[in-house]
Amino acid sequence: MKPNWIKEWDTSTTFLLVLLVLLLLSVIKIYVTSHIYYESRHIHRLEQEVAALKEEKTLIAMRVETLQYKSQITDTIFPLEPPTTEEPPYDP
């Protein structure tokens, strides 16, 4: 003998249960899809920042190289040690 609630289980209840499962799966799919979309936007923004920082790094490296070259040039023009102020003794 079947329980009383199984006797009342008819096609409309089955249809509603299937509809509820489909609705639940649809909501989950929409949530996952939107989450993936927003995460991909965030990743794209980070990739743009990385590209900008790499470009800035190359510009800074070029500036450092230029300053090092200027430093080498000015070091050869001006002596590093100051000239001595001692004068040789006067011998007439």
N, C-alpha and C. Protein backbone atom coordinates (compact mmCIF):
# COMPACT_ATOMS: atom_id res chain seq x y z
N MET A 1 0.84 -1.17 0.00
CA MET A 1 0.00 0.00 0.00
C MET A 1 0.89 1.25 0.00
N LYS A 2 0.59 2.21 -0.85
CA LYS A 2 1.35 3.44 -0.99
C LYS A 2 0.90 4.44 0.07
N PRO A 3 1.89 5.32 0.48
CA PRO A 3 1.50 6.36 1.42
C PRO A 3 0.54 7.35 0.76
N ASN A 4 -0.10 8.10 1.57
CA ASN A 4 -1.15 9.01 1.09
C ASN A 4 -0.59 10.12 0.20
N TRP A 5 0.60 10.64 0.48
CA TRP A 5 1.14 11.73 -0.32
C TRP A 5 1.55 11.26 -1.70
N ILE A 6 1.88 9.95 -1.86
CA ILE A 6 2.22 9.43 -3.19
C ILE A 6 0.97 9.31 -4.04
N LYS A 7 -0.13 9.03 -3.45
CA LYS A 7 -1.38 8.94 -4.21
C LYS A 7 -1.75 10.29 -4.80
N GLU A 8 -1.42 11.36 -4.08
CA GLU A 8 -1.78 12.69 -4.55
C GLU A 8 -0.77 13.24 -5.56
N TRP A 9 0.30 12.55 -5.76
CA TRP A 9 1.34 12.97 -6.71
C TRP A 9 0.83 12.74 -8.12
N ASP A 10 0.50 13.79 -8.80
CA ASP A 10 -0.04 13.66 -10.14
C ASP A 10 0.86 14.37 -11.14
N THR A 11 0.42 14.49 -12.35
CA THR A 11 1.26 15.08 -13.40
C THR A 11 1.47 16.57 -13.21
N SER A 12 0.53 17.27 -12.66
CA SER A 12 0.71 18.71 -12.46
C SER A 12 1.79 18.97 -11.41
N THR A 13 1.83 18.14 -10.38
CA THR A 13 2.87 18.29 -9.37
C THR A 13 4.24 17.97 -9.97
N THR A 14 4.32 16.95 -10.79
CA THR A 14 5.56 16.60 -11.46
C THR A 14 6.00 17.74 -12.39
N PHE A 15 5.04 18.30 -13.11
CA PHE A 15 5.35 19.41 -14.00
C PHE A 15 5.87 20.61 -13.21
N LEU A 16 5.26 20.93 -12.10
CA LEU A 16 5.71 22.05 -11.27
C LEU A 16 7.10 21.79 -10.69
N LEU A 17 7.36 20.56 -10.31
CA LEU A 17 8.68 20.22 -9.79
C LEU A 17 9.76 20.36 -10.87
N VAL A 18 9.46 19.89 -12.06
CA VAL A 18 10.40 20.02 -13.18
C VAL A 18 10.61 21.49 -13.50
N LEU A 19 9.55 22.25 -13.49
CA LEU A 19 9.64 23.68 -13.77
C LEU A 19 10.49 24.39 -12.70
N LEU A 20 10.33 24.01 -11.46
CA LEU A 20 11.11 24.58 -10.38
C LEU A 20 12.60 24.24 -10.53
N VAL A 21 12.90 23.02 -10.92
CA VAL A 21 14.29 22.62 -11.13
C VAL A 21 14.89 23.40 -12.31
N LEU A 22 14.13 23.56 -13.38
CA LEU A 22 14.62 24.33 -14.54
C LEU A 22 14.85 25.79 -14.17
N LEU A 23 13.96 26.35 -13.38
CA LEU A 23 14.12 27.72 -12.94
C LEU A 23 15.37 27.87 -12.07
N LEU A 24 15.57 26.94 -11.17
CA LEU A 24 16.76 26.96 -10.32
C LEU A 24 18.04 26.85 -11.15
N LEU A 25 18.05 25.95 -12.12
CA LEU A 25 19.22 25.81 -12.99
C LEU A 25 19.45 27.07 -13.83
N SER A 26 18.38 27.69 -14.27
CA SER A 26 18.51 28.92 -15.06
C SER A 26 19.10 30.05 -14.22
N VAL A 27 18.64 30.16 -12.99
CA VAL A 27 19.17 31.21 -12.11
C VAL A 27 20.65 30.96 -11.84
N ILE A 28 21.02 29.72 -11.60
CA ILE A 28 22.44 29.40 -11.38
C ILE A 28 23.26 29.73 -12.61
N LYS A 29 22.77 29.41 -13.79
CA LYS A 29 23.50 29.69 -15.03
C LYS A 29 23.67 31.20 -15.22
N ILE A 30 22.62 31.96 -14.97
CA ILE A 30 22.70 33.42 -15.11
C ILE A 30 23.72 33.99 -14.13
N TYR A 31 23.71 33.51 -12.90
CA TYR A 31 24.66 33.99 -11.91
C TYR A 31 26.10 33.68 -12.33
N VAL A 32 26.35 32.46 -12.75
CA VAL A 32 27.71 32.07 -13.14
C VAL A 32 28.16 32.87 -14.37
N THR A 33 27.28 33.04 -15.33
CA THR A 33 27.63 33.78 -16.53
C THR A 33 27.96 35.23 -16.21
N SER A 34 27.16 35.88 -15.39
CA SER A 34 27.44 37.27 -15.04
C SER A 34 28.71 37.38 -14.21
N HIS A 35 28.95 36.42 -13.35
CA HIS A 35 30.18 36.43 -12.55
C HIS A 35 31.41 36.30 -13.45
N ILE A 36 31.34 35.42 -14.42
CA ILE A 36 32.44 35.26 -15.37
C ILE A 36 32.65 36.54 -16.16
N TYR A 37 31.58 37.20 -16.56
CA TYR A 37 31.67 38.44 -17.33
C TYR A 37 32.40 39.52 -16.51
N TYR A 38 31.99 39.71 -15.27
CA TYR A 38 32.61 40.76 -14.46
C TYR A 38 34.05 40.42 -14.09
N GLU A 39 34.34 39.16 -13.88
CA GLU A 39 35.73 38.77 -13.61
C GLU A 39 36.60 38.99 -14.85
N SER A 40 36.07 38.73 -16.04
CA SER A 40 36.86 38.95 -17.25
C SER A 40 37.11 40.44 -17.47
N ARG A 41 36.14 41.28 -17.11
CA ARG A 41 36.36 42.73 -17.20
C ARG A 41 37.47 43.16 -16.25
N HIS A 42 37.45 42.61 -15.06
CA HIS A 42 38.48 42.93 -14.07
C HIS A 42 39.85 42.47 -14.56
N ILE A 43 39.91 41.29 -15.12
CA ILE A 43 41.18 40.76 -15.66
C ILE A 43 41.68 41.64 -16.80
N HIS A 44 40.78 42.08 -17.67
CA HIS A 44 41.17 42.94 -18.79
C HIS A 44 41.73 44.26 -18.27
N ARG A 45 41.10 44.83 -17.25
CA ARG A 45 41.58 46.07 -16.66
C ARG A 45 42.99 45.88 -16.08
N LEU A 46 43.19 44.76 -15.40
CA LEU A 46 44.52 44.48 -14.84
C LEU A 46 45.56 44.29 -15.93
N GLU A 47 45.18 43.63 -17.03
CA GLU A 47 46.12 43.45 -18.14
C GLU A 47 46.52 44.79 -18.74
N GLN A 48 45.55 45.73 -18.83
CA GLN A 48 45.87 47.06 -19.34
C GLN A 48 46.84 47.78 -18.40
N GLU A 49 46.63 47.64 -17.09
CA GLU A 49 47.54 48.26 -16.13
C GLU A 49 48.94 47.66 -16.23
N VAL A 50 49.02 46.36 -16.42
CA VAL A 50 50.32 45.70 -16.56
C VAL A 50 51.04 46.23 -17.80
N ALA A 51 50.32 46.37 -18.90
CA ALA A 51 50.93 46.88 -20.13
C ALA A 51 51.43 48.32 -19.93
N ALA A 52 50.63 49.13 -19.24
CA ALA A 52 51.05 50.52 -18.99
C ALA A 52 52.27 50.56 -18.08
N LEU A 53 52.29 49.71 -17.07
CA LEU A 53 53.45 49.69 -16.17
C LEU A 53 54.71 49.20 -16.86
N LYS A 54 54.57 48.23 -17.77
CA LYS A 54 55.74 47.77 -18.52
C LYS A 54 56.28 48.89 -19.40
N GLU A 55 55.39 49.64 -20.04
CA GLU A 55 55.82 50.76 -20.87
C GLU A 55 56.51 51.82 -20.01
N GLU A 56 55.94 52.10 -18.85
CA GLU A 56 56.55 53.08 -17.95
C GLU A 56 57.92 52.59 -17.47
N LYS A 57 58.06 51.30 -17.26
CA LYS A 57 59.35 50.74 -16.83
C LYS A 57 60.41 50.95 -17.91
N THR A 58 60.03 50.73 -19.18
CA THR A 58 61.01 50.94 -20.26
C THR A 58 61.40 52.41 -20.37
N LEU A 59 60.42 53.32 -20.18
CA LEU A 59 60.74 54.75 -20.24
C LEU A 59 61.68 55.15 -19.09
N ILE A 60 61.41 54.63 -17.91
CA ILE A 60 62.28 54.93 -16.77
C ILE A 60 63.67 54.36 -16.99
N ALA A 61 63.76 53.16 -17.55
CA ALA A 61 65.07 52.56 -17.83
C ALA A 61 65.84 53.40 -18.84
N MET A 62 65.14 53.94 -19.84
CA MET A 62 65.81 54.81 -20.82
C MET A 62 66.30 56.09 -20.15
N ARG A 63 65.49 56.66 -19.24
CA ARG A 63 65.92 57.87 -18.53
C ARG A 63 67.14 57.59 -17.67
N VAL A 64 67.14 56.46 -16.99
CA VAL A 64 68.29 56.09 -16.15
C VAL A 64 69.54 55.94 -17.01
N GLU A 65 69.38 55.29 -18.15
CA GLU A 65 70.52 55.12 -19.05
C GLU A 65 71.05 56.46 -19.53
N THR A 66 70.14 57.38 -19.85
CA THR A 66 70.55 58.71 -20.29
C THR A 66 71.30 59.44 -19.18
N LEU A 67 70.76 59.36 -17.96
CA LEU A 67 71.42 60.03 -16.84
C LEU A 67 72.78 59.41 -16.54
N GLN A 68 72.90 58.10 -16.67
CA GLN A 68 74.19 57.46 -16.46
C GLN A 68 75.20 57.91 -17.51
N TYR A 69 74.73 58.05 -18.76
CA TYR A 69 75.62 58.51 -19.83
C TYR A 69 76.06 59.94 -19.56
N LYS A 70 75.11 60.80 -19.15
CA LYS A 70 75.47 62.18 -18.84
C LYS A 70 76.45 62.24 -17.68
N SER A 71 76.26 61.39 -16.71
CA SER A 71 77.16 61.35 -15.56
C SER A 71 78.56 60.94 -15.98
N GLN A 72 78.65 59.97 -16.87
CA GLN A 72 79.97 59.54 -17.35
C GLN A 72 80.65 60.66 -18.12
N ILE A 73 79.88 61.38 -18.92
CA ILE A 73 80.46 62.47 -19.71
C ILE A 73 80.93 63.59 -18.79
N THR A 74 80.10 63.97 -17.84
CA THR A 74 80.51 65.06 -16.95
C THR A 74 81.66 64.65 -16.04
N ASP A 75 81.76 63.39 -15.71
CA ASP A 75 82.90 62.93 -14.89
C ASP A 75 84.21 63.05 -15.65
N THR A 76 84.18 62.87 -16.95
CA THR A 76 85.42 62.99 -17.72
C THR A 76 85.76 64.45 -17.99
N ILE A 77 84.77 65.33 -18.00
CA ILE A 77 85.04 66.75 -18.24
C ILE A 77 85.61 67.41 -16.99
N PHE A 78 85.01 67.16 -15.88
CA PHE A 78 85.44 67.77 -14.62
C PHE A 78 86.21 66.72 -13.82
N PRO A 79 87.38 67.08 -13.34
CA PRO A 79 88.14 66.11 -12.54
C PRO A 79 87.40 65.81 -11.24
N LEU A 80 87.56 64.60 -10.78
CA LEU A 80 86.89 64.20 -9.55
C LEU A 80 87.57 64.79 -8.33
N GLU A 81 88.90 64.91 -8.38
CA GLU A 81 89.63 65.46 -7.24
C GLU A 81 89.87 66.95 -7.47
N PRO A 82 89.63 67.73 -6.44
CA PRO A 82 89.89 69.17 -6.62
C PRO A 82 91.40 69.42 -6.71
N PRO A 83 91.75 70.43 -7.44
CA PRO A 83 93.20 70.70 -7.56
C PRO A 83 93.77 71.13 -6.21
N THR A 84 95.02 70.81 -6.01
CA THR A 84 95.67 71.19 -4.76
C THR A 84 95.97 72.68 -4.79
N THR A 85 95.87 73.28 -3.62
CA THR A 85 96.11 74.73 -3.55
C THR A 85 97.55 75.05 -3.17
N GLU A 86 98.32 74.04 -2.96
CA GLU A 86 99.73 74.29 -2.62
C GLU A 86 100.50 74.76 -3.85
N GLU A 87 101.21 75.83 -3.63
CA GLU A 87 102.02 76.36 -4.72
C GLU A 87 103.46 75.89 -4.52
N PRO A 88 104.13 75.64 -5.59
CA PRO A 88 105.53 75.25 -5.41
C PRO A 88 106.33 76.42 -4.82
N PRO A 89 107.32 76.10 -4.06
CA PRO A 89 108.10 77.21 -3.45
C PRO A 89 108.81 78.05 -4.52
N TYR A 90 108.87 79.33 -4.23
CA TYR A 90 109.51 80.26 -5.17
C TYR A 90 111.01 80.21 -4.96
N ASP A 91 111.73 79.92 -6.03
CA ASP A 91 113.18 79.81 -5.94
C ASP A 91 113.79 80.76 -6.96
N PRO A 92 114.25 81.94 -6.50
CA PRO A 92 114.83 82.90 -7.47
C PRO A 92 116.24 82.61 -7.85
